[in-house]
Amino acid sequence: MFGSMAFISHGLACCFSENFPHFSEPGLWGLALGLASRGRVGYPLHMATDQTHMATSLALVACGGAIGAMLRYVSVAAVMRWAGPGFPYGTMTVNVAGSLAMGALAVLLLERSPGGWDRLAPLLLTGLLGGFTTFSAFSLDVLDLLERGRMAAAAGYVAGSVLLSVLGLWLGLALGRTVWS
């Protein structure tokens, strides 16, 4: 375990360095490399299949995730200040906005930027937007509404979040295909 943590912390420390040493440690690295090399990933991406690429990808995910989480915190606070705390508009807003951005960036990286997916998806999609959007906060908000007896609000929140997020992703794809055509 400690060897894997040392590998990850070294990868983070070398975020933009050109000289990554190679590691031969089991643990998290072995699991990640093993799953990636067996092609068990259902996304149109190529997972890191060597230690150097994995270290870079992990560092980019961590950097993007930190920025995304901070943006989510600020965005949710701003929406709550504007709309009030009675309904989880903040979480809904970041999930819908994140879905729209995911659609637009997916088009940019997959269809308009050769090699862009491999280089930037860990930073922008997995990291930044993964940190910005949040299903766990969404789930907590639903249970909070249910526990307060606000069944209609909970149902509206679930339906609205899912429908608007899917719509946001679709609009993001359309926007991306229009802008980057």
N, C-alpha and C. Protein backbone atom coordinates (compact mmCIF):
# COMPACT_ATOMS: atom_id res chain seq x y z
N MET A 1 0.82 -1.19 0.00
CA MET A 1 0.00 0.00 0.00
C MET A 1 0.86 1.25 0.00
N PHE A 2 1.88 1.29 0.88
CA PHE A 2 2.69 2.50 0.96
C PHE A 2 3.48 2.71 -0.33
N GLY A 3 3.86 1.62 -0.98
CA GLY A 3 4.56 1.76 -2.26
C GLY A 3 3.68 2.40 -3.31
N SER A 4 2.41 2.01 -3.32
CA SER A 4 1.48 2.60 -4.28
C SER A 4 1.26 4.07 -3.97
N MET A 5 1.15 4.41 -2.69
CA MET A 5 0.97 5.81 -2.32
C MET A 5 2.20 6.63 -2.70
N ALA A 6 3.38 6.05 -2.54
CA ALA A 6 4.60 6.75 -2.94
C ALA A 6 4.60 6.97 -4.44
N PHE A 7 4.13 5.98 -5.19
CA PHE A 7 4.05 6.11 -6.65
C PHE A 7 3.12 7.26 -7.03
N ILE A 8 1.94 7.29 -6.39
CA ILE A 8 0.97 8.34 -6.71
C ILE A 8 1.51 9.71 -6.32
N SER A 9 2.09 9.82 -5.12
CA SER A 9 2.60 11.13 -4.70
C SER A 9 3.76 11.56 -5.59
N HIS A 10 4.57 10.61 -6.06
CA HIS A 10 5.65 10.98 -6.97
C HIS A 10 5.08 11.45 -8.29
N GLY A 11 4.01 10.76 -8.75
CA GLY A 11 3.37 11.18 -9.99
C GLY A 11 2.81 12.59 -9.89
N LEU A 12 2.22 12.91 -8.73
CA LEU A 12 1.70 14.26 -8.53
C LEU A 12 2.82 15.28 -8.47
N ALA A 13 3.92 14.93 -7.83
CA ALA A 13 5.04 15.86 -7.73
C ALA A 13 5.65 16.12 -9.09
N CYS A 14 5.55 15.13 -9.99
CA CYS A 14 6.15 15.26 -11.32
C CYS A 14 5.13 15.66 -12.37
N CYS A 15 4.07 16.33 -11.97
CA CYS A 15 2.94 16.61 -12.82
C CYS A 15 3.32 17.06 -14.23
N PHE A 16 4.27 17.95 -14.33
CA PHE A 16 4.63 18.45 -15.64
C PHE A 16 6.09 18.19 -16.01
N SER A 17 6.71 17.27 -15.32
CA SER A 17 8.10 16.92 -15.59
C SER A 17 8.19 15.98 -16.78
N GLU A 18 9.25 16.05 -17.53
CA GLU A 18 9.48 15.16 -18.67
C GLU A 18 10.20 13.88 -18.26
N ASN A 19 10.76 13.81 -17.06
CA ASN A 19 11.58 12.69 -16.66
C ASN A 19 10.91 11.86 -15.57
N PHE A 20 9.99 10.99 -15.96
CA PHE A 20 9.34 10.12 -14.99
C PHE A 20 10.14 8.83 -14.89
N PRO A 21 10.53 8.43 -13.69
CA PRO A 21 11.17 7.13 -13.55
C PRO A 21 10.12 6.03 -13.69
N HIS A 22 10.57 4.83 -14.01
CA HIS A 22 9.64 3.71 -14.12
C HIS A 22 9.54 2.99 -12.79
N PHE A 23 8.36 2.52 -12.47
CA PHE A 23 8.12 1.83 -11.21
C PHE A 23 7.72 0.40 -11.52
N SER A 24 7.97 -0.48 -10.61
CA SER A 24 7.55 -1.88 -10.76
C SER A 24 6.86 -2.33 -9.49
N GLU A 25 5.92 -1.54 -9.02
CA GLU A 25 5.26 -1.83 -7.75
C GLU A 25 3.88 -2.42 -7.97
N PRO A 26 3.47 -3.36 -7.12
CA PRO A 26 2.12 -3.88 -7.19
C PRO A 26 1.15 -2.91 -6.52
N GLY A 27 -0.05 -3.31 -6.29
CA GLY A 27 -1.03 -2.48 -5.58
C GLY A 27 -1.90 -1.72 -6.55
N LEU A 28 -2.16 -0.44 -6.25
CA LEU A 28 -3.06 0.36 -7.09
C LEU A 28 -2.57 0.42 -8.53
N TRP A 29 -1.26 0.58 -8.70
CA TRP A 29 -0.71 0.65 -10.04
C TRP A 29 -0.99 -0.64 -10.80
N GLY A 30 -0.72 -1.79 -10.17
CA GLY A 30 -0.96 -3.07 -10.82
C GLY A 30 -2.42 -3.25 -11.20
N LEU A 31 -3.31 -2.85 -10.32
CA LEU A 31 -4.74 -2.94 -10.61
C LEU A 31 -5.11 -2.05 -11.80
N ALA A 32 -4.68 -0.80 -11.76
CA ALA A 32 -5.02 0.13 -12.84
C ALA A 32 -4.44 -0.33 -14.17
N LEU A 33 -3.19 -0.73 -14.18
CA LEU A 33 -2.56 -1.17 -15.43
C LEU A 33 -3.20 -2.45 -15.92
N GLY A 34 -3.51 -3.36 -15.00
CA GLY A 34 -4.13 -4.62 -15.39
C GLY A 34 -5.49 -4.41 -16.02
N LEU A 35 -6.33 -3.57 -15.43
CA LEU A 35 -7.65 -3.30 -15.99
C LEU A 35 -7.54 -2.60 -17.33
N ALA A 36 -6.63 -1.64 -17.43
CA ALA A 36 -6.48 -0.90 -18.69
C ALA A 36 -5.98 -1.82 -19.79
N SER A 37 -5.03 -2.68 -19.48
CA SER A 37 -4.46 -3.53 -20.52
C SER A 37 -5.42 -4.63 -20.95
N ARG A 38 -6.43 -4.95 -20.15
CA ARG A 38 -7.42 -5.95 -20.51
C ARG A 38 -8.60 -5.34 -21.27
N GLY A 39 -8.56 -4.04 -21.47
CA GLY A 39 -9.60 -3.37 -22.24
C GLY A 39 -10.96 -3.37 -21.58
N ARG A 40 -11.03 -3.31 -20.27
CA ARG A 40 -12.31 -3.33 -19.57
C ARG A 40 -12.91 -1.95 -19.42
N VAL A 41 -12.39 -0.99 -20.10
CA VAL A 41 -12.90 0.37 -19.99
C VAL A 41 -13.87 0.59 -21.14
N GLY A 42 -15.09 1.01 -20.83
CA GLY A 42 -16.11 1.14 -21.85
C GLY A 42 -16.19 2.51 -22.49
N TYR A 43 -15.18 3.31 -22.38
CA TYR A 43 -15.20 4.65 -22.95
C TYR A 43 -14.30 4.68 -24.18
N PRO A 44 -14.52 5.64 -25.07
CA PRO A 44 -13.70 5.71 -26.28
C PRO A 44 -12.34 6.35 -25.99
N LEU A 45 -11.63 5.79 -25.05
CA LEU A 45 -10.34 6.33 -24.70
C LEU A 45 -9.36 5.20 -24.51
N HIS A 46 -8.13 5.54 -24.53
CA HIS A 46 -7.07 4.57 -24.30
C HIS A 46 -6.50 4.87 -22.93
N MET A 47 -6.76 3.97 -21.98
CA MET A 47 -6.23 4.17 -20.65
C MET A 47 -4.71 4.04 -20.69
N ALA A 48 -4.09 4.67 -19.75
CA ALA A 48 -2.64 4.61 -19.66
C ALA A 48 -2.19 3.15 -19.55
N THR A 49 -1.27 2.74 -20.40
CA THR A 49 -0.82 1.36 -20.38
C THR A 49 0.65 1.24 -20.01
N ASP A 50 1.26 2.32 -19.63
CA ASP A 50 2.61 2.23 -19.09
C ASP A 50 2.69 3.14 -17.88
N GLN A 51 3.70 2.94 -17.07
CA GLN A 51 3.77 3.65 -15.79
C GLN A 51 3.97 5.14 -15.96
N THR A 52 4.72 5.54 -16.95
CA THR A 52 4.94 6.97 -17.17
C THR A 52 3.63 7.66 -17.53
N HIS A 53 2.90 7.06 -18.46
CA HIS A 53 1.63 7.64 -18.88
C HIS A 53 0.63 7.62 -17.72
N MET A 54 0.63 6.55 -16.93
CA MET A 54 -0.28 6.45 -15.79
C MET A 54 0.03 7.53 -14.76
N ALA A 55 1.31 7.76 -14.47
CA ALA A 55 1.69 8.79 -13.50
C ALA A 55 1.23 10.16 -13.98
N THR A 56 1.41 10.43 -15.26
CA THR A 56 0.98 11.71 -15.82
C THR A 56 -0.54 11.84 -15.74
N SER A 57 -1.24 10.78 -16.12
CA SER A 57 -2.71 10.81 -16.09
C SER A 57 -3.23 11.01 -14.67
N LEU A 58 -2.66 10.31 -13.70
CA LEU A 58 -3.10 10.47 -12.32
C LEU A 58 -2.87 11.90 -11.83
N ALA A 59 -1.73 12.46 -12.19
CA ALA A 59 -1.44 13.83 -11.77
C ALA A 59 -2.41 14.82 -12.41
N LEU A 60 -2.74 14.61 -13.69
CA LEU A 60 -3.68 15.50 -14.37
C LEU A 60 -5.08 15.37 -13.78
N VAL A 61 -5.51 14.15 -13.47
CA VAL A 61 -6.82 13.95 -12.85
C VAL A 61 -6.86 14.66 -11.50
N ALA A 62 -5.80 14.52 -10.71
CA ALA A 62 -5.76 15.16 -9.39
C ALA A 62 -5.79 16.69 -9.51
N CYS A 63 -5.01 17.24 -10.41
CA CYS A 63 -5.00 18.70 -10.59
C CYS A 63 -6.36 19.21 -11.06
N GLY A 64 -6.93 18.55 -12.06
CA GLY A 64 -8.25 18.96 -12.56
C GLY A 64 -9.33 18.79 -11.51
N GLY A 65 -9.25 17.69 -10.75
CA GLY A 65 -10.24 17.44 -9.70
C GLY A 65 -10.22 18.50 -8.62
N ALA A 66 -9.03 18.92 -8.25
CA ALA A 66 -8.92 19.97 -7.23
C ALA A 66 -9.55 21.27 -7.71
N ILE A 67 -9.27 21.63 -8.94
CA ILE A 67 -9.85 22.86 -9.50
C ILE A 67 -11.36 22.73 -9.63
N GLY A 68 -11.83 21.58 -10.14
CA GLY A 68 -13.26 21.35 -10.30
C GLY A 68 -14.01 21.40 -8.99
N ALA A 69 -13.44 20.80 -7.94
CA ALA A 69 -14.09 20.80 -6.64
C ALA A 69 -14.19 22.22 -6.08
N MET A 70 -13.13 23.01 -6.26
CA MET A 70 -13.19 24.40 -5.79
C MET A 70 -14.24 25.19 -6.57
N LEU A 71 -14.31 24.97 -7.88
CA LEU A 71 -15.33 25.65 -8.69
C LEU A 71 -16.74 25.24 -8.26
N ARG A 72 -16.92 23.95 -7.95
CA ARG A 72 -18.23 23.50 -7.48
C ARG A 72 -18.61 24.19 -6.18
N TYR A 73 -17.68 24.25 -5.25
CA TYR A 73 -17.94 24.87 -3.94
C TYR A 73 -18.37 26.33 -4.12
N VAL A 74 -17.63 27.06 -4.92
CA VAL A 74 -17.93 28.48 -5.15
C VAL A 74 -19.26 28.63 -5.90
N SER A 75 -19.49 27.79 -6.89
CA SER A 75 -20.72 27.87 -7.68
C SER A 75 -21.96 27.55 -6.85
N VAL A 76 -21.89 26.48 -6.07
CA VAL A 76 -23.03 26.11 -5.22
C VAL A 76 -23.31 27.21 -4.21
N ALA A 77 -22.27 27.76 -3.61
CA ALA A 77 -22.45 28.84 -2.64
C ALA A 77 -23.09 30.06 -3.30
N ALA A 78 -22.66 30.40 -4.50
CA ALA A 78 -23.22 31.57 -5.20
C ALA A 78 -24.69 31.35 -5.54
N VAL A 79 -25.02 30.16 -6.03
CA VAL A 79 -26.42 29.88 -6.37
C VAL A 79 -27.28 29.88 -5.11
N MET A 80 -26.77 29.30 -4.02
CA MET A 80 -27.54 29.31 -2.78
C MET A 80 -27.77 30.72 -2.26
N ARG A 81 -26.76 31.57 -2.40
CA ARG A 81 -26.89 32.96 -1.97
C ARG A 81 -27.98 33.65 -2.79
N TRP A 82 -28.05 33.33 -4.07
CA TRP A 82 -29.01 33.96 -4.97
C TRP A 82 -30.40 33.36 -4.81
N ALA A 83 -30.50 32.01 -4.77
CA ALA A 83 -31.80 31.34 -4.78
C ALA A 83 -32.32 30.98 -3.40
N GLY A 84 -31.44 30.97 -2.41
CA GLY A 84 -31.86 30.58 -1.06
C GLY A 84 -31.61 29.09 -0.82
N PRO A 85 -31.63 28.71 0.45
CA PRO A 85 -31.26 27.35 0.80
C PRO A 85 -32.41 26.33 0.80
N GLY A 86 -33.61 26.70 0.41
CA GLY A 86 -34.76 25.81 0.52
C GLY A 86 -34.78 24.64 -0.44
N PHE A 87 -34.07 24.75 -1.55
CA PHE A 87 -34.04 23.70 -2.58
C PHE A 87 -32.61 23.62 -3.10
N PRO A 88 -32.13 22.43 -3.44
CA PRO A 88 -30.71 22.29 -3.86
C PRO A 88 -30.44 22.75 -5.29
N TYR A 89 -30.76 24.01 -5.56
CA TYR A 89 -30.51 24.56 -6.89
C TYR A 89 -29.02 24.58 -7.23
N GLY A 90 -28.16 24.76 -6.24
CA GLY A 90 -26.72 24.82 -6.50
C GLY A 90 -26.19 23.53 -7.09
N THR A 91 -26.52 22.40 -6.47
CA THR A 91 -26.06 21.10 -6.98
C THR A 91 -26.65 20.84 -8.35
N MET A 92 -27.92 21.15 -8.51
CA MET A 92 -28.57 20.94 -9.80
C MET A 92 -27.88 21.79 -10.88
N THR A 93 -27.56 23.01 -10.55
CA THR A 93 -26.91 23.91 -11.50
C THR A 93 -25.55 23.38 -11.94
N VAL A 94 -24.72 22.94 -10.99
CA VAL A 94 -23.39 22.46 -11.39
C VAL A 94 -23.49 21.16 -12.18
N ASN A 95 -24.45 20.30 -11.85
CA ASN A 95 -24.59 19.06 -12.60
C ASN A 95 -25.06 19.30 -14.03
N VAL A 96 -25.99 20.23 -14.21
CA VAL A 96 -26.46 20.55 -15.56
C VAL A 96 -25.37 21.28 -16.34
N ALA A 97 -24.73 22.26 -15.73
CA ALA A 97 -23.64 22.98 -16.41
C ALA A 97 -22.49 22.04 -16.74
N GLY A 98 -22.17 21.14 -15.82
CA GLY A 98 -21.11 20.18 -16.06
C GLY A 98 -21.45 19.23 -17.20
N SER A 99 -22.71 18.84 -17.31
CA SER A 99 -23.14 17.98 -18.41
C SER A 99 -23.02 18.70 -19.75
N LEU A 100 -23.42 19.97 -19.78
CA LEU A 100 -23.28 20.76 -21.00
C LEU A 100 -21.80 20.86 -21.39
N ALA A 101 -20.95 21.17 -20.42
CA ALA A 101 -19.52 21.28 -20.69
C ALA A 101 -18.93 19.94 -21.12
N MET A 102 -19.40 18.83 -20.53
CA MET A 102 -18.93 17.51 -20.90
C MET A 102 -19.23 17.22 -22.36
N GLY A 103 -20.43 17.56 -22.80
CA GLY A 103 -20.80 17.34 -24.20
C GLY A 103 -19.94 18.14 -25.15
N ALA A 104 -19.78 19.42 -24.86
CA ALA A 104 -18.98 20.28 -25.73
C ALA A 104 -17.51 19.84 -25.76
N LEU A 105 -16.96 19.54 -24.60
CA LEU A 105 -15.56 19.11 -24.55
C LEU A 105 -15.35 17.74 -25.19
N ALA A 106 -16.33 16.85 -25.07
CA ALA A 106 -16.21 15.54 -25.71
C ALA A 106 -16.10 15.69 -27.22
N VAL A 107 -16.92 16.58 -27.79
CA VAL A 107 -16.83 16.83 -29.24
C VAL A 107 -15.47 17.41 -29.58
N LEU A 108 -15.04 18.40 -28.83
CA LEU A 108 -13.76 19.03 -29.10
C LEU A 108 -12.62 18.01 -29.04
N LEU A 109 -12.59 17.21 -27.99
CA LEU A 109 -11.48 16.29 -27.80
C LEU A 109 -11.55 15.06 -28.69
N LEU A 110 -12.75 14.54 -28.95
CA LEU A 110 -12.89 13.32 -29.75
C LEU A 110 -12.94 13.59 -31.25
N GLU A 111 -13.63 14.65 -31.64
CA GLU A 111 -13.90 14.86 -33.06
C GLU A 111 -13.09 15.98 -33.71
N ARG A 112 -12.58 16.90 -32.93
CA ARG A 112 -11.94 18.07 -33.54
C ARG A 112 -10.47 18.24 -33.20
N SER A 113 -9.96 17.47 -32.26
CA SER A 113 -8.57 17.62 -31.83
C SER A 113 -7.87 16.27 -31.88
N PRO A 114 -7.16 15.98 -32.97
CA PRO A 114 -6.46 14.69 -33.04
C PRO A 114 -5.54 14.51 -31.84
N GLY A 115 -5.75 13.41 -31.12
CA GLY A 115 -4.94 13.13 -29.94
C GLY A 115 -5.37 13.90 -28.71
N GLY A 116 -6.37 14.77 -28.84
CA GLY A 116 -6.81 15.60 -27.73
C GLY A 116 -7.41 14.80 -26.59
N TRP A 117 -8.11 13.71 -26.92
CA TRP A 117 -8.74 12.90 -25.88
C TRP A 117 -7.68 12.33 -24.95
N ASP A 118 -6.67 11.69 -25.53
CA ASP A 118 -5.63 11.07 -24.71
C ASP A 118 -4.88 12.08 -23.86
N ARG A 119 -4.63 13.27 -24.43
CA ARG A 119 -3.86 14.28 -23.71
C ARG A 119 -4.67 15.04 -22.67
N LEU A 120 -5.92 15.38 -22.98
CA LEU A 120 -6.66 16.31 -22.14
C LEU A 120 -7.86 15.74 -21.39
N ALA A 121 -8.36 14.57 -21.78
CA ALA A 121 -9.51 14.00 -21.08
C ALA A 121 -9.24 13.76 -19.59
N PRO A 122 -8.06 13.24 -19.21
CA PRO A 122 -7.83 13.06 -17.77
C PRO A 122 -7.93 14.37 -16.99
N LEU A 123 -7.41 15.45 -17.53
CA LEU A 123 -7.44 16.75 -16.85
C LEU A 123 -8.84 17.36 -16.87
N LEU A 124 -9.45 17.45 -18.06
CA LEU A 124 -10.69 18.20 -18.21
C LEU A 124 -11.95 17.41 -17.90
N LEU A 125 -12.05 16.18 -18.39
CA LEU A 125 -13.28 15.42 -18.20
C LEU A 125 -13.29 14.67 -16.88
N THR A 126 -12.31 13.81 -16.67
CA THR A 126 -12.28 13.04 -15.43
C THR A 126 -11.97 13.94 -14.24
N GLY A 127 -10.98 14.80 -14.35
CA GLY A 127 -10.57 15.65 -13.24
C GLY A 127 -11.48 16.85 -13.03
N LEU A 128 -11.41 17.82 -13.90
CA LEU A 128 -12.13 19.09 -13.74
C LEU A 128 -13.64 18.87 -13.62
N LEU A 129 -14.24 18.21 -14.62
CA LEU A 129 -15.69 18.04 -14.59
C LEU A 129 -16.12 16.98 -13.59
N GLY A 130 -15.26 16.00 -13.33
CA GLY A 130 -15.56 15.02 -12.29
C GLY A 130 -15.58 15.66 -10.91
N GLY A 131 -14.70 16.62 -10.69
CA GLY A 131 -14.69 17.35 -9.42
C GLY A 131 -15.79 18.39 -9.34
N PHE A 132 -16.18 18.92 -10.49
CA PHE A 132 -17.20 19.97 -10.53
C PHE A 132 -18.60 19.40 -10.33
N THR A 133 -18.92 18.33 -11.01
CA THR A 133 -20.24 17.72 -10.86
C THR A 133 -20.19 16.70 -9.73
N THR A 134 -21.35 16.34 -9.22
CA THR A 134 -21.32 15.44 -8.07
C THR A 134 -22.61 14.66 -7.93
N PHE A 135 -22.51 13.35 -8.07
CA PHE A 135 -23.68 12.52 -7.87
C PHE A 135 -23.93 12.27 -6.39
N SER A 136 -22.86 12.21 -5.62
CA SER A 136 -23.04 11.96 -4.19
C SER A 136 -23.77 13.11 -3.51
N ALA A 137 -23.47 14.33 -3.86
CA ALA A 137 -24.18 15.47 -3.29
C ALA A 137 -25.64 15.48 -3.76
N PHE A 138 -25.85 15.10 -5.01
CA PHE A 138 -27.20 14.98 -5.55
C PHE A 138 -28.01 13.97 -4.71
N SER A 139 -27.41 12.82 -4.44
CA SER A 139 -28.09 11.78 -3.65
C SER A 139 -28.41 12.28 -2.24
N LEU A 140 -27.46 12.97 -1.63
CA LEU A 140 -27.67 13.52 -0.30
C LEU A 140 -28.81 14.54 -0.31
N ASP A 141 -28.84 15.38 -1.33
CA ASP A 141 -29.91 16.38 -1.44
C ASP A 141 -31.28 15.70 -1.56
N VAL A 142 -31.36 14.62 -2.35
CA VAL A 142 -32.62 13.90 -2.51
C VAL A 142 -33.08 13.35 -1.17
N LEU A 143 -32.17 12.69 -0.45
CA LEU A 143 -32.55 12.11 0.84
C LEU A 143 -32.92 13.19 1.85
N ASP A 144 -32.25 14.32 1.79
CA ASP A 144 -32.59 15.43 2.69
C ASP A 144 -34.02 15.89 2.42
N LEU A 145 -34.37 16.06 1.15
CA LEU A 145 -35.74 16.47 0.82
C LEU A 145 -36.75 15.42 1.27
N LEU A 146 -36.44 14.14 1.06
CA LEU A 146 -37.34 13.07 1.47
C LEU A 146 -37.51 13.03 2.98
N GLU A 147 -36.42 13.16 3.71
CA GLU A 147 -36.49 13.13 5.17
C GLU A 147 -37.25 14.33 5.74
N ARG A 148 -37.29 15.42 5.01
CA ARG A 148 -38.04 16.59 5.46
C ARG A 148 -39.50 16.53 4.98
N GLY A 149 -39.86 15.38 4.35
CA GLY A 149 -41.25 15.20 3.92
C GLY A 149 -41.60 15.93 2.64
N ARG A 150 -40.63 16.36 1.90
CA ARG A 150 -40.87 17.12 0.67
C ARG A 150 -40.80 16.18 -0.54
N MET A 151 -41.76 15.27 -0.62
CA MET A 151 -41.77 14.22 -1.64
C MET A 151 -41.83 14.81 -3.06
N ALA A 152 -42.72 15.76 -3.27
CA ALA A 152 -42.86 16.35 -4.61
C ALA A 152 -41.58 17.08 -5.02
N ALA A 153 -40.97 17.80 -4.07
CA ALA A 153 -39.72 18.50 -4.38
C ALA A 153 -38.62 17.50 -4.70
N ALA A 154 -38.56 16.39 -3.96
CA ALA A 154 -37.54 15.36 -4.22
C ALA A 154 -37.75 14.75 -5.60
N ALA A 155 -38.99 14.43 -5.94
CA ALA A 155 -39.29 13.85 -7.25
C ALA A 155 -38.95 14.84 -8.37
N GLY A 156 -39.32 16.11 -8.17
CA GLY A 156 -39.01 17.13 -9.16
C GLY A 156 -37.51 17.33 -9.32
N TYR A 157 -36.81 17.26 -8.21
CA TYR A 157 -35.35 17.42 -8.24
C TYR A 157 -34.68 16.28 -8.99
N VAL A 158 -35.12 15.04 -8.72
CA VAL A 158 -34.56 13.88 -9.42
C VAL A 158 -34.86 13.97 -10.91
N ALA A 159 -36.13 14.17 -11.24
CA ALA A 159 -36.52 14.24 -12.66
C ALA A 159 -35.84 15.42 -13.36
N GLY A 160 -35.88 16.58 -12.72
CA GLY A 160 -35.27 17.76 -13.32
C GLY A 160 -33.78 17.62 -13.50
N SER A 161 -33.10 17.10 -12.50
CA SER A 161 -31.64 16.93 -12.60
C SER A 161 -31.26 15.98 -13.71
N VAL A 162 -31.94 14.84 -13.77
CA VAL A 162 -31.61 13.85 -14.80
C VAL A 162 -31.95 14.40 -16.19
N LEU A 163 -33.17 14.89 -16.36
CA LEU A 163 -33.58 15.38 -17.68
C LEU A 163 -32.75 16.57 -18.13
N LEU A 164 -32.55 17.53 -17.23
CA LEU A 164 -31.78 18.71 -17.61
C LEU A 164 -30.30 18.39 -17.84
N SER A 165 -29.75 17.44 -17.10
CA SER A 165 -28.35 17.06 -17.32
C SER A 165 -28.18 16.35 -18.65
N VAL A 166 -29.11 15.45 -18.99
CA VAL A 166 -29.05 14.78 -20.29
C VAL A 166 -29.26 15.81 -21.40
N LEU A 167 -30.21 16.72 -21.23
CA LEU A 167 -30.44 17.78 -22.20
C LEU A 167 -29.19 18.66 -22.31
N GLY A 168 -28.58 18.98 -21.17
CA GLY A 168 -27.36 19.78 -21.19
C GLY A 168 -26.24 19.09 -21.96
N LEU A 169 -26.09 17.78 -21.77
CA LEU A 169 -25.07 17.04 -22.50
C LEU A 169 -25.37 17.06 -23.99
N TRP A 170 -26.63 16.85 -24.36
CA TRP A 170 -27.02 16.88 -25.76
C TRP A 170 -26.76 18.26 -26.38
N LEU A 171 -27.14 19.31 -25.65
CA LEU A 171 -26.88 20.67 -26.15
C LEU A 171 -25.39 20.95 -26.25
N GLY A 172 -24.61 20.44 -25.29
CA GLY A 172 -23.16 20.60 -25.35
C GLY A 172 -22.57 19.92 -26.56
N LEU A 173 -23.04 18.72 -26.89
CA LEU A 173 -22.58 18.04 -28.10
C LEU A 173 -22.93 18.86 -29.34
N ALA A 174 -24.19 19.33 -29.40
CA ALA A 174 -24.60 20.14 -30.55
C ALA A 174 -23.81 21.42 -30.65
N LEU A 175 -23.59 22.08 -29.52
CA LEU A 175 -22.80 23.30 -29.50
C LEU A 175 -21.37 23.03 -29.95
N GLY A 176 -20.79 21.98 -29.40
CA GLY A 176 -19.43 21.62 -29.78
C GLY A 176 -19.30 21.32 -31.26
N ARG A 177 -20.27 20.63 -31.81
CA ARG A 177 -20.22 20.30 -33.25
C ARG A 177 -20.45 21.53 -34.11
N THR A 178 -21.19 22.50 -33.59
CA THR A 178 -21.40 23.75 -34.34
C THR A 178 -20.16 24.65 -34.27
N VAL A 179 -19.62 24.81 -33.09
CA VAL A 179 -18.48 25.71 -32.90
C VAL A 179 -17.21 25.13 -33.52
N TRP A 180 -16.99 23.83 -33.35
CA TRP A 180 -15.73 23.23 -33.81
C TRP A 180 -15.90 22.43 -35.07
N SER A 181 -16.79 22.88 -35.97
CA SER A 181 -16.99 22.15 -37.23
C SER A 181 -16.09 22.68 -38.33
